[in-house]
């Protein structure tokens, strides 16, 4: 959360994954996009790419 200022103040956004889903995380990114006038949100979106766990 950055209150529309772009400087991270507090980490409040998480993505939880249960072991029962049989998935693993391939990649995690935080989208720091900002409009030239104002940030579209007071949070940076967290994007996760999953893949199926092979056993």
Protein backbone atom coordinates (compact mmCIF):
# COMPACT_ATOMS: atom_id res chain seq x y z
CA UNK A 1 0.00 0.00 0.00
CA UNK A 2 1.43 3.39 -0.92
CA UNK A 3 -1.44 5.91 -0.52
CA UNK A 4 -1.13 7.06 -4.19
CA UNK A 5 2.45 8.25 -3.64
CA UNK A 6 4.31 5.32 -5.23
CA UNK A 7 6.53 4.63 -2.25
CA UNK A 8 5.70 1.35 -0.53
CA UNK A 9 4.62 1.97 3.03
CA UNK A 10 3.05 -1.27 4.09
CA UNK A 11 2.76 -4.79 2.67
CA UNK A 12 -0.90 -5.76 2.92
CA UNK A 13 -1.61 -7.64 -0.33
CA UNK A 14 -0.93 -11.37 -0.39
CA UNK A 15 -1.78 -14.38 -2.52
CA UNK A 16 -2.27 -17.60 -0.58
CA UNK A 17 -2.07 -21.03 -2.14
CA UNK A 18 -3.17 -24.22 -0.43
CA UNK A 19 -1.16 -27.42 -0.87
CA UNK A 20 -4.37 -29.12 -1.98
CA UNK A 21 -4.34 -27.20 -5.29
CA UNK A 22 -1.33 -29.16 -6.61
CA UNK A 23 0.25 -25.97 -8.00
CA UNK A 24 3.63 -24.30 -7.66
CA UNK A 25 4.61 -20.68 -8.24
CA UNK A 26 6.50 -20.04 -11.49
CA UNK A 27 6.86 -16.27 -11.19
CA UNK A 28 5.76 -13.33 -9.03
CA UNK A 29 5.68 -9.71 -10.12
CA UNK A 30 4.57 -6.45 -8.61
CA UNK A 31 3.13 -4.06 -11.19
CA UNK A 32 4.52 -0.57 -10.52
CA UNK A 33 2.56 1.08 -13.36
CA UNK A 34 1.64 4.70 -12.83
CA UNK A 35 -0.33 7.11 -14.95
CA UNK A 36 1.59 10.37 -15.52
CA UNK A 37 -1.06 12.18 -13.47
CA UNK A 38 -1.94 9.72 -10.70
CA UNK A 39 -1.53 6.09 -9.66
CA UNK A 40 -4.64 4.06 -10.57
CA UNK A 41 -4.76 2.53 -7.07
CA UNK A 42 -3.24 2.95 -3.63
CA UNK A 43 -1.88 -0.62 -4.02
CA UNK A 44 0.59 -2.13 -6.46
CA UNK A 45 -1.04 -5.22 -8.02
CA UNK A 46 0.59 -8.56 -7.23
CA UNK A 47 0.63 -10.94 -10.21
CA UNK A 48 1.49 -14.64 -9.82
CA UNK A 49 2.05 -17.23 -12.54
CA UNK A 50 1.34 -20.80 -11.39
CA UNK A 51 2.03 -24.15 -12.95
CA UNK A 52 0.77 -27.61 -12.13
CA UNK A 53 2.99 -29.64 -9.81
CA UNK A 54 4.19 -32.82 -11.50
CA UNK A 55 4.80 -35.80 -9.26
